[in-house]
Amino acid sequence: LAMLGRLRVDIVLLDVEMPGTDGLTALPALLERCGGARILIVSSAAASGAAATVQALMLGAADTLLKPGAGYFAGRFAEELAERLLRLAPDATASPAVRALDDWMPRSLPASPIECLAIGASTGGVDALAAFFRALSPDFRAPILVTQHLPAVFMPYFAAQIQETAGRPTRVGTDGLRPRPGEIVIAPGDGHLCLVRNRGALHVRIDRTPAPSGCLPSVDPMFAALAQACGAAGHGVVLSGMGRDGVLGAAAIVQAGGAVLVQDARSSVVWGMPGAVANAGLASAILDPAGLARRLGQGDEAPRWK
């Protein structure tokens, strides 16, 4: 903390469970003093560490990486750490896609009621989800599906944090689960969160088929299944994240008559996923997370959900 007063840094690696001042306690001061640097949480998979890591992401940390135990620092950990650092580096987030949107024309937002809303996010998405749900009208009663790129061990704690932030019942998705009005269903860390319609009712189906993006869970299968099950009544939101996961599924939603809204570059930690959708000409709105929530809550004469 003292060093940050005299030295500019791009990335801070932060453990959670430490003697003295733990990472979660230090995080607000780090965010205040680091001058916009990205904070990467490097945490073990222990229960207390997983819960604290998710809380740190909700508070504004950019990303997380599982820390291996003593004696297991060889192999993929070094590669994954280098990959995360490159992903969070300022040059990695600069994108010509931002400049390409000077003449962007939004697609119209369909007037049909929303039967189901699906949200995809990755790096920086946990904080964005918190901002989105804090601004979403409590009158919005369509079920909400969420695919966030996180390790499976974090999902129960992530669901608990989302429930506390959103004030909505939240569950990790399982095969056959029937989403309830106003409920949030989270993708498990080891499968894609998909939908099928059975006798007129929507049911969750967990799919583990490899996705084009290589992500598990992936936003693309969730969006594609939403488009097939709900047609024009299925809408999507793409929040901060690295890569292009979600752009193929967004095209399916738009082709089915639904709409896709994306987070803007200014408020995104990484404008990869939302930028890909916007550059493909598939976005009906480009706003910060709170603006997206308010846009979905606007109606003409009646609420736009059922």
C-alpha atoms as a PDB file:
ATOM      1  CA  LEU A   1       0.000   0.000   0.000  1.00  0.00           C
ATOM      2  CA  ALA A   2       2.840   2.387   0.808  1.00  0.00           C
ATOM      3  CA  MET A   3       4.576   1.550  -2.466  1.00  0.00           C
ATOM      4  CA  LEU A   4       1.464   2.380  -4.481  1.00  0.00           C
ATOM      5  CA  GLY A   5       1.785   5.968  -3.292  1.00  0.00           C
ATOM      6  CA  ARG A   6       5.009   6.435  -5.279  1.00  0.00           C
ATOM      7  CA  LEU A   7       4.983   3.778  -8.012  1.00  0.00           C
ATOM      8  CA  ARG A   8       2.552   3.237 -10.889  1.00  0.00           C
ATOM      9  CA  VAL A   9       1.610  -0.379 -11.495  1.00  0.00           C
ATOM     10  CA  ASP A  10      -0.591  -2.121 -14.058  1.00  0.00           C
ATOM     11  CA  ILE A  11      -1.530  -5.314 -12.200  1.00  0.00           C
ATOM     12  CA  VAL A  12      -1.655  -6.323  -8.535  1.00  0.00           C
ATOM     13  CA  LEU A  13      -1.646 -10.017  -7.590  1.00  0.00           C
ATOM     14  CA  LEU A  14      -3.518 -10.464  -4.332  1.00  0.00           C
ATOM     15  CA  ASP A  15      -3.860 -13.541  -2.155  1.00  0.00           C
ATOM     16  CA  VAL A  16      -6.890 -13.807   0.115  1.00  0.00           C
ATOM     17  CA  GLU A  17      -5.856 -15.730   3.214  1.00  0.00           C
ATOM     18  CA  MET A  18      -2.761 -14.040   4.675  1.00  0.00           C
ATOM     19  CA  PRO A  19      -1.516 -13.291   8.196  1.00  0.00           C
ATOM     20  CA  GLY A  20      -2.146  -9.787   9.452  1.00  0.00           C
ATOM     21  CA  THR A  21      -4.223  -7.873   6.916  1.00  0.00           C
ATOM     22  CA  ASP A  22      -6.013 -10.388   4.687  1.00  0.00           C
ATOM     23  CA  GLY A  23      -6.650  -9.691   1.033  1.00  0.00           C
ATOM     24  CA  LEU A  24     -10.341  -8.971   1.376  1.00  0.00           C
ATOM     25  CA  THR A  25      -9.689  -6.351   4.046  1.00  0.00           C
ATOM     26  CA  ALA A  26      -6.925  -4.754   1.962  1.00  0.00           C
ATOM     27  CA  LEU A  27      -8.875  -4.747  -1.311  1.00  0.00           C
ATOM     28  CA  PRO A  28     -10.788  -1.424  -0.913  1.00  0.00           C
ATOM     29  CA  ALA A  29      -7.565   0.430  -0.053  1.00  0.00           C
ATOM     30  CA  LEU A  30      -5.749  -1.214  -2.954  1.00  0.00           C
ATOM     31  CA  LEU A  31      -8.493  -0.221  -5.387  1.00  0.00           C
ATOM     32  CA  GLU A  32      -8.385   3.338  -4.082  1.00  0.00           C
ATOM     33  CA  ARG A  33      -4.601   3.710  -4.332  1.00  0.00           C
ATOM     34  CA  CYS A  34      -3.647   1.654  -7.374  1.00  0.00           C
ATOM     35  CA  GLY A  35      -4.713   4.276  -9.923  1.00  0.00           C
ATOM     36  CA  GLY A  36      -6.790   1.975 -12.103  1.00  0.00           C
ATOM     37  CA  ALA A  37      -4.515  -1.070 -11.928  1.00  0.00           C
ATOM     38  CA  ARG A  38      -6.248  -4.433 -12.355  1.00  0.00           C
ATOM     39  CA  ILE A  39      -6.296  -6.717  -9.325  1.00  0.00           C
ATOM     40  CA  LEU A  40      -5.892 -10.447  -9.955  1.00  0.00           C
ATOM     41  CA  ILE A  41      -6.954 -12.642  -7.038  1.00  0.00           C
ATOM     42  CA  VAL A  42      -4.676 -15.682  -6.688  1.00  0.00           C
ATOM     43  CA  SER A  43      -6.428 -17.934  -4.198  1.00  0.00           C
ATOM     44  CA  SER A  44      -6.592 -21.546  -3.100  1.00  0.00           C
ATOM     45  CA  ALA A  45      -9.735 -23.620  -3.637  1.00  0.00           C
ATOM     46  CA  ALA A  46     -10.447 -23.991   0.089  1.00  0.00           C
ATOM     47  CA  ALA A  47     -14.011 -23.174   1.099  1.00  0.00           C
ATOM     48  CA  SER A  48     -13.181 -20.005   3.034  1.00  0.00           C
ATOM     49  CA  GLY A  49     -10.803 -18.858   0.291  1.00  0.00           C
ATOM     50  CA  ALA A  50     -13.365 -19.521  -2.442  1.00  0.00           C
ATOM     51  CA  ALA A  51     -16.056 -17.525  -0.641  1.00  0.00           C
ATOM     52  CA  ALA A  52     -13.672 -14.627  -0.028  1.00  0.00           C
ATOM     53  CA  THR A  53     -12.457 -14.720  -3.630  1.00  0.00           C
ATOM     54  CA  VAL A  54     -15.983 -14.373  -4.992  1.00  0.00           C
ATOM     55  CA  GLN A  55     -16.618 -11.506  -2.579  1.00  0.00           C
ATOM     56  CA  ALA A  56     -13.437  -9.829  -3.821  1.00  0.00           C
ATOM     57  CA  LEU A  57     -14.622 -10.141  -7.424  1.00  0.00           C
ATOM     58  CA  MET A  58     -17.952  -8.601  -6.433  1.00  0.00           C
ATOM     59  CA  LEU A  59     -16.034  -5.694  -4.864  1.00  0.00           C
ATOM     60  CA  GLY A  60     -14.099  -4.924  -8.033  1.00  0.00           C
ATOM     61  CA  ALA A  61     -11.202  -7.351  -8.468  1.00  0.00           C
ATOM     62  CA  ALA A  62     -10.770  -8.082 -12.184  1.00  0.00           C
ATOM     63  CA  ASP A  63     -10.163 -11.824 -12.303  1.00  0.00           C
ATOM     64  CA  THR A  64      -9.220 -14.882 -10.281  1.00  0.00           C
ATOM     65  CA  LEU A  65      -6.741 -17.720 -10.607  1.00  0.00           C
ATOM     66  CA  LEU A  66      -6.689 -20.892  -8.525  1.00  0.00           C
ATOM     67  CA  LYS A  67      -3.442 -21.218  -6.563  1.00  0.00           C
ATOM     68  CA  PRO A  68      -2.020 -24.738  -6.457  1.00  0.00           C
ATOM     69  CA  GLY A  69      -0.907 -26.254  -3.174  1.00  0.00           C
ATOM     70  CA  ALA A  70       2.693 -26.499  -1.989  1.00  0.00           C
ATOM     71  CA  GLY A  71       4.768 -28.653  -4.316  1.00  0.00           C
ATOM     72  CA  TYR A  72       2.388 -28.234  -7.271  1.00  0.00           C
ATOM     73  CA  PHE A  73       3.646 -25.043  -8.898  1.00  0.00           C
ATOM     74  CA  ALA A  74       4.956 -26.778 -12.009  1.00  0.00           C
ATOM     75  CA  GLY A  75       3.124 -27.303 -15.293  1.00  0.00           C
ATOM     76  CA  ARG A  76      -0.002 -25.388 -16.272  1.00  0.00           C
ATOM     77  CA  PHE A  77      -0.022 -22.900 -13.396  1.00  0.00           C
ATOM     78  CA  ALA A  78       2.886 -20.914 -14.857  1.00  0.00           C
ATOM     79  CA  GLU A  79       1.199 -20.825 -18.276  1.00  0.00           C
ATOM     80  CA  GLU A  80      -2.155 -19.813 -16.834  1.00  0.00           C
ATOM     81  CA  LEU A  81      -0.606 -17.060 -14.716  1.00  0.00           C
ATOM     82  CA  ALA A  82       1.229 -15.628 -17.730  1.00  0.00           C
ATOM     83  CA  GLU A  83      -1.973 -15.820 -19.784  1.00  0.00           C
ATOM     84  CA  ARG A  84      -3.953 -13.917 -17.140  1.00  0.00           C
ATOM     85  CA  LEU A  85      -1.289 -11.224 -16.830  1.00  0.00           C
ATOM     86  CA  LEU A  86      -1.251 -10.703 -20.600  1.00  0.00           C
ATOM     87  CA  ARG A  87      -5.050 -10.649 -20.641  1.00  0.00           C
ATOM     88  CA  LEU A  88      -5.182  -7.928 -17.986  1.00  0.00           C
ATOM     89  CA  ALA A  89      -2.309  -5.850 -19.378  1.00  0.00           C
ATOM     90  CA  PRO A  90      -3.424  -2.423 -20.668  1.00  0.00           C
ATOM     91  CA  ASP A  91      -2.249  -3.118 -24.240  1.00  0.00           C
ATOM     92  CA  ALA A  92      -4.313  -6.316 -24.306  1.00  0.00           C
ATOM     93  CA  THR A  93      -7.513  -4.441 -23.555  1.00  0.00           C
ATOM     94  CA  ALA A  94      -6.974  -1.713 -26.158  1.00  0.00           C
ATOM     95  CA  SER A  95      -9.091  -2.647 -29.131  1.00  0.00           C
ATOM     96  CA  PRO A  96      -9.719  -1.125 -32.560  1.00  0.00           C
ATOM     97  CA  ALA A  97     -13.284  -2.325 -32.047  1.00  0.00           C
ATOM     98  CA  VAL A  98     -13.916   0.759 -29.904  1.00  0.00           C
ATOM     99  CA  ARG A  99     -12.995   3.081 -32.756  1.00  0.00           C
ATOM    100  CA  ALA A 100     -14.990   1.013 -35.243  1.00  0.00           C
ATOM    101  CA  LEU A 101     -18.229   1.865 -33.463  1.00  0.00           C
ATOM    102  CA  ASP A 102     -18.252   5.555 -34.350  1.00  0.00           C
ATOM    103  CA  ASP A 103     -21.019   4.870 -36.889  1.00  0.00           C
ATOM    104  CA  TRP A 104     -22.748   2.169 -34.818  1.00  0.00           C
ATOM    105  CA  MET A 105     -26.503   1.900 -35.352  1.00  0.00           C
ATOM    106  CA  PRO A 106     -28.453   0.043 -32.672  1.00  0.00           C
ATOM    107  CA  ARG A 107     -30.868  -2.685 -33.564  1.00  0.00           C
ATOM    108  CA  SER A 108     -34.426  -2.107 -32.453  1.00  0.00           C
ATOM    109  CA  LEU A 109     -35.455  -3.657 -29.152  1.00  0.00           C
ATOM    110  CA  PRO A 110     -38.442  -5.977 -29.795  1.00  0.00           C
ATOM    111  CA  ALA A 111     -41.662  -4.995 -28.069  1.00  0.00           C
ATOM    112  CA  SER A 112     -42.636  -8.574 -27.275  1.00  0.00           C
ATOM    113  CA  PRO A 113     -42.570  -9.625 -23.600  1.00  0.00           C
ATOM    114  CA  ILE A 114     -39.386 -11.219 -22.260  1.00  0.00           C
ATOM    115  CA  GLU A 115     -39.909 -14.847 -21.286  1.00  0.00           C
ATOM    116  CA  CYS A 116     -36.293 -15.439 -20.250  1.00  0.00           C
ATOM    117  CA  LEU A 117     -33.143 -13.303 -19.988  1.00  0.00           C
ATOM    118  CA  ALA A 118     -29.650 -14.813 -20.369  1.00  0.00           C
ATOM    119  CA  ILE A 119     -26.444 -13.023 -19.292  1.00  0.00           C
ATOM    120  CA  GLY A 120     -22.892 -13.958 -20.272  1.00  0.00           C
ATOM    121  CA  ALA A 121     -19.716 -12.599 -18.660  1.00  0.00           C
ATOM    122  CA  SER A 122     -16.055 -13.355 -18.043  1.00  0.00           C
ATOM    123  CA  THR A 123     -13.120 -11.197 -16.885  1.00  0.00           C
ATOM    124  CA  GLY A 124     -14.548  -8.257 -14.937  1.00  0.00           C
ATOM    125  CA  GLY A 125     -18.024  -9.741 -15.186  1.00  0.00           C
ATOM    126  CA  VAL A 126     -18.654 -10.473 -11.515  1.00  0.00           C
ATOM    127  CA  ASP A 127     -18.449  -6.789 -10.572  1.00  0.00           C
ATOM    128  CA  ALA A 128     -20.517  -5.899 -13.662  1.00  0.00           C
ATOM    129  CA  LEU A 129     -23.189  -8.436 -12.678  1.00  0.00           C
ATOM    130  CA  ALA A 130     -23.403  -6.876  -9.229  1.00  0.00           C
ATOM    131  CA  ALA A 131     -23.945  -3.423 -10.750  1.00  0.00           C
ATOM    132  CA  PHE A 132     -26.529  -4.827 -13.185  1.00  0.00           C
ATOM    133  CA  PHE A 133     -28.589  -6.586 -10.524  1.00  0.00           C
ATOM    134  CA  ARG A 134     -28.489  -3.644  -8.122  1.00  0.00           C
ATOM    135  CA  ALA A 135     -30.106  -1.516 -10.851  1.00  0.00           C
ATOM    136  CA  LEU A 136     -32.615  -4.091 -12.157  1.00  0.00           C
ATOM    137  CA  SER A 137     -36.214  -3.322 -11.230  1.00  0.00           C
ATOM    138  CA  PRO A 138     -37.680  -5.735  -8.670  1.00  0.00           C
ATOM    139  CA  ASP A 139     -40.732  -5.833 -10.940  1.00  0.00           C
ATOM    140  CA  PHE A 140     -38.716  -7.692 -13.580  1.00  0.00           C
ATOM    141  CA  ARG A 141     -40.084 -11.205 -13.139  1.00  0.00           C
ATOM    142  CA  ALA A 142     -38.667 -13.203 -16.054  1.00  0.00           C
ATOM    143  CA  PRO A 143     -36.216 -15.942 -15.017  1.00  0.00           C
ATOM    144  CA  ILE A 144     -32.559 -15.011 -15.563  1.00  0.00           C
ATOM    145  CA  LEU A 145     -29.787 -17.366 -16.678  1.00  0.00           C
ATOM    146  CA  VAL A 146     -26.152 -16.428 -15.936  1.00  0.00           C
ATOM    147  CA  THR A 147     -23.004 -17.917 -17.436  1.00  0.00           C
ATOM    148  CA  GLN A 148     -19.909 -16.521 -15.734  1.00  0.00           C
ATOM    149  CA  HIS A 149     -16.472 -17.970 -16.473  1.00  0.00           C
ATOM    150  CA  LEU A 150     -15.377 -19.204 -13.035  1.00  0.00           C
ATOM    151  CA  PRO A 151     -13.948 -22.475 -11.707  1.00  0.00           C
ATOM    152  CA  ALA A 152     -16.569 -24.965 -10.529  1.00  0.00           C
ATOM    153  CA  VAL A 153     -15.400 -24.769  -6.911  1.00  0.00           C
ATOM    154  CA  PHE A 154     -16.503 -21.111  -6.758  1.00  0.00           C
ATOM    155  CA  MET A 155     -20.044 -21.566  -8.081  1.00  0.00           C
ATOM    156  CA  PRO A 156     -21.949 -22.193  -4.801  1.00  0.00           C
ATOM    157  CA  TYR A 157     -20.340 -19.087  -3.272  1.00  0.00           C
ATOM    158  CA  PHE A 158     -20.918 -17.085  -6.444  1.00  0.00           C
ATOM    159  CA  ALA A 159     -24.623 -18.020  -6.393  1.00  0.00           C
ATOM    160  CA  ALA A 160     -24.863 -16.992  -2.719  1.00  0.00           C
ATOM    161  CA  GLN A 161     -23.228 -13.623  -3.421  1.00  0.00           C
ATOM    162  CA  ILE A 162     -25.482 -12.962  -6.410  1.00  0.00           C
ATOM    163  CA  GLN A 163     -28.546 -13.797  -4.328  1.00  0.00           C
ATOM    164  CA  GLU A 164     -27.455 -11.356  -1.627  1.00  0.00           C
ATOM    165  CA  THR A 165     -26.696  -8.603  -4.133  1.00  0.00           C
ATOM    166  CA  ALA A 166     -29.734  -9.072  -6.373  1.00  0.00           C
ATOM    167  CA  GLY A 167     -32.275  -9.856  -3.657  1.00  0.00           C
ATOM    168  CA  ARG A 168     -33.579 -12.689  -5.834  1.00  0.00           C
ATOM    169  CA  PRO A 169     -33.620 -16.451  -5.281  1.00  0.00           C
ATOM    170  CA  THR A 170     -30.521 -17.891  -6.963  1.00  0.00           C
ATOM    171  CA  ARG A 171     -29.538 -21.490  -7.695  1.00  0.00           C
ATOM    172  CA  VAL A 172     -26.759 -23.288  -9.536  1.00  0.00           C
ATOM    173  CA  GLY A 173     -28.380 -24.969 -12.541  1.00  0.00           C
ATOM    174  CA  THR A 174     -28.983 -28.717 -12.631  1.00  0.00           C
ATOM    175  CA  ASP A 175     -30.528 -30.975 -15.264  1.00  0.00           C
ATOM    176  CA  GLY A 176     -34.317 -30.731 -15.291  1.00  0.00           C
ATOM    177  CA  LEU A 177     -34.561 -27.671 -13.060  1.00  0.00           C
ATOM    178  CA  ARG A 178     -37.519 -25.458 -13.980  1.00  0.00           C
ATOM    179  CA  PRO A 179     -36.625 -21.743 -13.680  1.00  0.00           C
ATOM    180  CA  ARG A 180     -39.130 -19.806 -11.605  1.00  0.00           C
ATOM    181  CA  PRO A 181     -40.317 -16.216 -12.228  1.00  0.00           C
ATOM    182  CA  GLY A 182     -37.788 -13.704 -10.948  1.00  0.00           C
ATOM    183  CA  GLU A 183     -35.222 -16.413 -10.180  1.00  0.00           C
ATOM    184  CA  ILE A 184     -31.537 -16.408 -11.194  1.00  0.00           C
ATOM    185  CA  VAL A 185     -29.996 -19.680 -12.380  1.00  0.00           C
ATOM    186  CA  ILE A 186     -26.192 -19.901 -12.514  1.00  0.00           C
ATOM    187  CA  ALA A 187     -24.269 -22.136 -14.929  1.00  0.00           C
ATOM    188  CA  PRO A 188     -22.301 -24.844 -13.110  1.00  0.00           C
ATOM    189  CA  GLY A 189     -18.568 -24.634 -13.591  1.00  0.00           C
ATOM    190  CA  ASP A 190     -18.442 -27.936 -15.484  1.00  0.00           C
ATOM    191  CA  GLY A 191     -21.260 -27.575 -18.027  1.00  0.00           C
ATOM    192  CA  HIS A 192     -23.130 -25.214 -20.346  1.00  0.00           C
ATOM    193  CA  LEU A 193     -26.422 -23.836 -19.017  1.00  0.00           C
ATOM    194  CA  CYS A 194     -29.024 -24.563 -21.704  1.00  0.00           C
ATOM    195  CA  LEU A 195     -32.822 -24.548 -21.975  1.00  0.00           C
ATOM    196  CA  VAL A 196     -35.365 -26.911 -23.487  1.00  0.00           C
ATOM    197  CA  ARG A 197     -39.122 -26.580 -23.703  1.00  0.00           C
ATOM    198  CA  ASN A 198     -41.108 -29.563 -22.477  1.00  0.00           C
ATOM    199  CA  ARG A 199     -44.917 -29.481 -22.636  1.00  0.00           C
ATOM    200  CA  GLY A 200     -44.838 -25.707 -22.842  1.00  0.00           C
ATOM    201  CA  ALA A 201     -42.564 -25.200 -19.810  1.00  0.00           C
ATOM    202  CA  LEU A 202     -38.885 -24.223 -19.791  1.00  0.00           C
ATOM    203  CA  HIS A 203     -36.415 -26.634 -18.202  1.00  0.00           C
ATOM    204  CA  VAL A 204     -32.665 -26.445 -17.682  1.00  0.00           C
ATOM    205  CA  ARG A 205     -30.414 -28.849 -19.553  1.00  0.00           C
ATOM    206  CA  ILE A 206     -26.716 -29.069 -18.713  1.00  0.00           C
ATOM    207  CA  ASP A 207     -24.654 -29.733 -21.842  1.00  0.00           C
ATOM    208  CA  ARG A 208     -20.960 -30.661 -21.773  1.00  0.00           C
ATOM    209  CA  THR A 209     -20.361 -30.774 -25.534  1.00  0.00           C
ATOM    210  CA  PRO A 210     -17.189 -28.775 -26.385  1.00  0.00           C
ATOM    211  CA  ALA A 211     -18.096 -25.238 -27.447  1.00  0.00           C
ATOM    212  CA  PRO A 212     -16.442 -23.326 -30.322  1.00  0.00           C
ATOM    213  CA  SER A 213     -15.020 -20.815 -27.828  1.00  0.00           C
ATOM    214  CA  GLY A 214     -13.329 -23.573 -25.828  1.00  0.00           C
ATOM    215  CA  CYS A 215     -14.958 -22.228 -22.649  1.00  0.00           C
ATOM    216  CA  LEU A 216     -16.729 -24.414 -20.116  1.00  0.00           C
ATOM    217  CA  PRO A 217     -19.252 -23.116 -19.320  1.00  0.00           C
ATOM    218  CA  SER A 218     -19.746 -21.168 -22.533  1.00  0.00           C
ATOM    219  CA  VAL A 219     -22.152 -18.344 -23.359  1.00  0.00           C
ATOM    220  CA  ASP A 220     -22.694 -19.487 -26.955  1.00  0.00           C
ATOM    221  CA  PRO A 221     -24.636 -22.717 -26.160  1.00  0.00           C
ATOM    222  CA  MET A 222     -26.741 -20.869 -23.575  1.00  0.00           C
ATOM    223  CA  PHE A 223     -27.711 -18.143 -26.061  1.00  0.00           C
ATOM    224  CA  ALA A 224     -28.376 -20.671 -28.852  1.00  0.00           C
ATOM    225  CA  ALA A 225     -30.616 -22.765 -26.597  1.00  0.00           C
ATOM    226  CA  LEU A 226     -32.446 -19.620 -25.426  1.00  0.00           C
ATOM    227  CA  ALA A 227     -33.121 -18.623 -29.042  1.00  0.00           C
ATOM    228  CA  GLN A 228     -34.477 -22.066 -29.883  1.00  0.00           C
ATOM    229  CA  ALA A 229     -36.651 -22.342 -26.771  1.00  0.00           C
ATOM    230  CA  CYS A 230     -37.982 -18.774 -26.546  1.00  0.00           C
ATOM    231  CA  GLY A 231     -37.663 -17.199 -29.988  1.00  0.00           C
ATOM    232  CA  ALA A 232     -38.330 -13.454 -29.907  1.00  0.00           C
ATOM    233  CA  ALA A 233     -39.156 -13.678 -26.181  1.00  0.00           C
ATOM    234  CA  GLY A 234     -35.531 -14.561 -25.335  1.00  0.00           C
ATOM    235  CA  HIS A 235     -33.109 -11.685 -24.751  1.00  0.00           C
ATOM    236  CA  GLY A 236     -29.373 -11.721 -24.018  1.00  0.00           C
ATOM    237  CA  VAL A 237     -26.876  -9.471 -22.234  1.00  0.00           C
ATOM    238  CA  VAL A 238     -23.089  -9.652 -22.708  1.00  0.00           C
ATOM    239  CA  LEU A 239     -20.909  -8.124 -20.005  1.00  0.00           C
ATOM    240  CA  SER A 240     -17.157  -7.594 -19.633  1.00  0.00           C
ATOM    241  CA  GLY A 241     -14.973 -10.478 -20.769  1.00  0.00           C
ATOM    242  CA  MET A 242     -11.964 -11.528 -22.824  1.00  0.00           C
ATOM    243  CA  GLY A 243     -12.403 -13.240 -26.182  1.00  0.00           C
ATOM    244  CA  ARG A 244     -15.470 -13.775 -28.367  1.00  0.00           C
ATOM    245  CA  ASP A 245     -17.608 -16.198 -26.368  1.00  0.00           C
ATOM    246  CA  GLY A 246     -21.242 -15.240 -26.947  1.00  0.00           C
ATOM    247  CA  VAL A 247     -21.068 -13.757 -30.448  1.00  0.00           C
ATOM    248  CA  LEU A 248     -22.284 -16.951 -32.173  1.00  0.00           C
ATOM    249  CA  GLY A 249     -25.143 -17.346 -29.718  1.00  0.00           C
ATOM    250  CA  ALA A 250     -26.008 -13.654 -30.012  1.00  0.00           C
ATOM    251  CA  ALA A 251     -26.475 -14.127 -33.749  1.00  0.00           C
ATOM    252  CA  ALA A 252     -28.915 -16.971 -33.029  1.00  0.00           C
ATOM    253  CA  ILE A 253     -30.911 -14.761 -30.620  1.00  0.00           C
ATOM    254  CA  VAL A 254     -31.158 -11.944 -33.165  1.00  0.00           C
ATOM    255  CA  GLN A 255     -32.114 -14.359 -35.951  1.00  0.00           C
ATOM    256  CA  ALA A 256     -34.921 -15.704 -33.734  1.00  0.00           C
ATOM    257  CA  GLY A 257     -36.269 -12.173 -33.227  1.00  0.00           C
ATOM    258  CA  GLY A 258     -34.824 -11.467 -29.778  1.00  0.00           C
ATOM    259  CA  ALA A 259     -32.403  -8.746 -28.715  1.00  0.00           C
ATOM    260  CA  VAL A 260     -28.874  -8.645 -27.311  1.00  0.00           C
ATOM    261  CA  LEU A 261     -27.573  -5.769 -25.183  1.00  0.00           C
ATOM    262  CA  VAL A 262     -23.879  -5.292 -24.355  1.00  0.00           C
ATOM    263  CA  GLN A 263     -21.719  -3.489 -21.807  1.00  0.00           C
ATOM    264  CA  ASP A 264     -19.839  -0.441 -23.071  1.00  0.00           C
ATOM    265  CA  ALA A 265     -16.045  -0.273 -23.397  1.00  0.00           C
ATOM    266  CA  ARG A 266     -15.565   2.453 -20.792  1.00  0.00           C
ATOM    267  CA  SER A 267     -17.061   0.427 -17.935  1.00  0.00           C
ATOM    268  CA  SER A 268     -15.641  -2.959 -19.025  1.00  0.00           C
ATOM    269  CA  VAL A 269     -12.451  -4.435 -17.586  1.00  0.00           C
ATOM    270  CA  VAL A 270     -11.966  -6.172 -20.948  1.00  0.00           C
ATOM    271  CA  TRP A 271     -14.134  -5.205 -23.933  1.00  0.00           C
ATOM    272  CA  GLY A 272     -13.644  -8.457 -25.798  1.00  0.00           C
ATOM    273  CA  MET A 273     -16.927 -10.363 -25.557  1.00  0.00           C
ATOM    274  CA  PRO A 274     -19.263  -7.327 -25.658  1.00  0.00           C
ATOM    275  CA  GLY A 275     -17.090  -5.679 -28.322  1.00  0.00           C
ATOM    276  CA  ALA A 276     -17.312  -8.752 -30.545  1.00  0.00           C
ATOM    277  CA  VAL A 277     -21.120  -8.684 -30.396  1.00  0.00           C
ATOM    278  CA  ALA A 278     -21.228  -4.940 -31.039  1.00  0.00           C
ATOM    279  CA  ASN A 279     -18.786  -5.184 -33.964  1.00  0.00           C
ATOM    280  CA  ALA A 280     -20.902  -7.938 -35.502  1.00  0.00           C
ATOM    281  CA  GLY A 281     -23.826  -5.514 -35.649  1.00  0.00           C
ATOM    282  CA  LEU A 282     -25.909  -7.572 -33.212  1.00  0.00           C
ATOM    283  CA  ALA A 283     -26.365  -5.134 -30.303  1.00  0.00           C
ATOM    284  CA  SER A 284     -29.580  -3.292 -29.506  1.00  0.00           C
ATOM    285  CA  ALA A 285     -27.889  -1.196 -26.795  1.00  0.00           C
ATOM    286  CA  ILE A 286     -24.347  -0.430 -25.574  1.00  0.00           C
ATOM    287  CA  LEU A 287     -24.458   0.880 -22.013  1.00  0.00           C
ATOM    288  CA  ASP A 288     -22.869   0.434 -18.602  1.00  0.00           C
ATOM    289  CA  PRO A 289     -24.341  -2.439 -16.512  1.00  0.00           C
ATOM    290  CA  ALA A 290     -26.775  -0.219 -14.616  1.00  0.00           C
ATOM    291  CA  GLY A 291     -27.906   1.379 -17.884  1.00  0.00           C
ATOM    292  CA  LEU A 292     -28.517  -2.045 -19.403  1.00  0.00           C
ATOM    293  CA  ALA A 293     -30.674  -3.020 -16.419  1.00  0.00           C
ATOM    294  CA  ARG A 294     -32.683   0.182 -16.663  1.00  0.00           C
ATOM    295  CA  ARG A 295     -33.085  -0.253 -20.434  1.00  0.00           C
ATOM    296  CA  LEU A 296     -34.515  -3.739 -19.940  1.00  0.00           C
ATOM    297  CA  GLY A 297     -36.859  -2.374 -17.287  1.00  0.00           C
ATOM    298  CA  GLN A 298     -38.392   0.208 -19.607  1.00  0.00           C
ATOM    299  CA  GLY A 299     -41.790  -0.560 -21.057  1.00  0.00           C
ATOM    300  CA  ASP A 300     -44.113   1.169 -23.464  1.00  0.00           C
ATOM    301  CA  GLU A 301     -47.470   0.800 -21.713  1.00  0.00           C
ATOM    302  CA  ALA A 302     -46.868  -2.425 -19.811  1.00  0.00           C
ATOM    303  CA  PRO A 303     -43.881  -4.325 -18.419  1.00  0.00           C
ATOM    304  CA  ARG A 304     -41.844  -6.048 -21.133  1.00  0.00           C
ATOM    305  CA  TRP A 305     -41.709  -9.435 -19.455  1.00  0.00           C
ATOM    306  CA  LYS A 306     -44.053 -12.251 -18.599  1.00  0.00           C
END
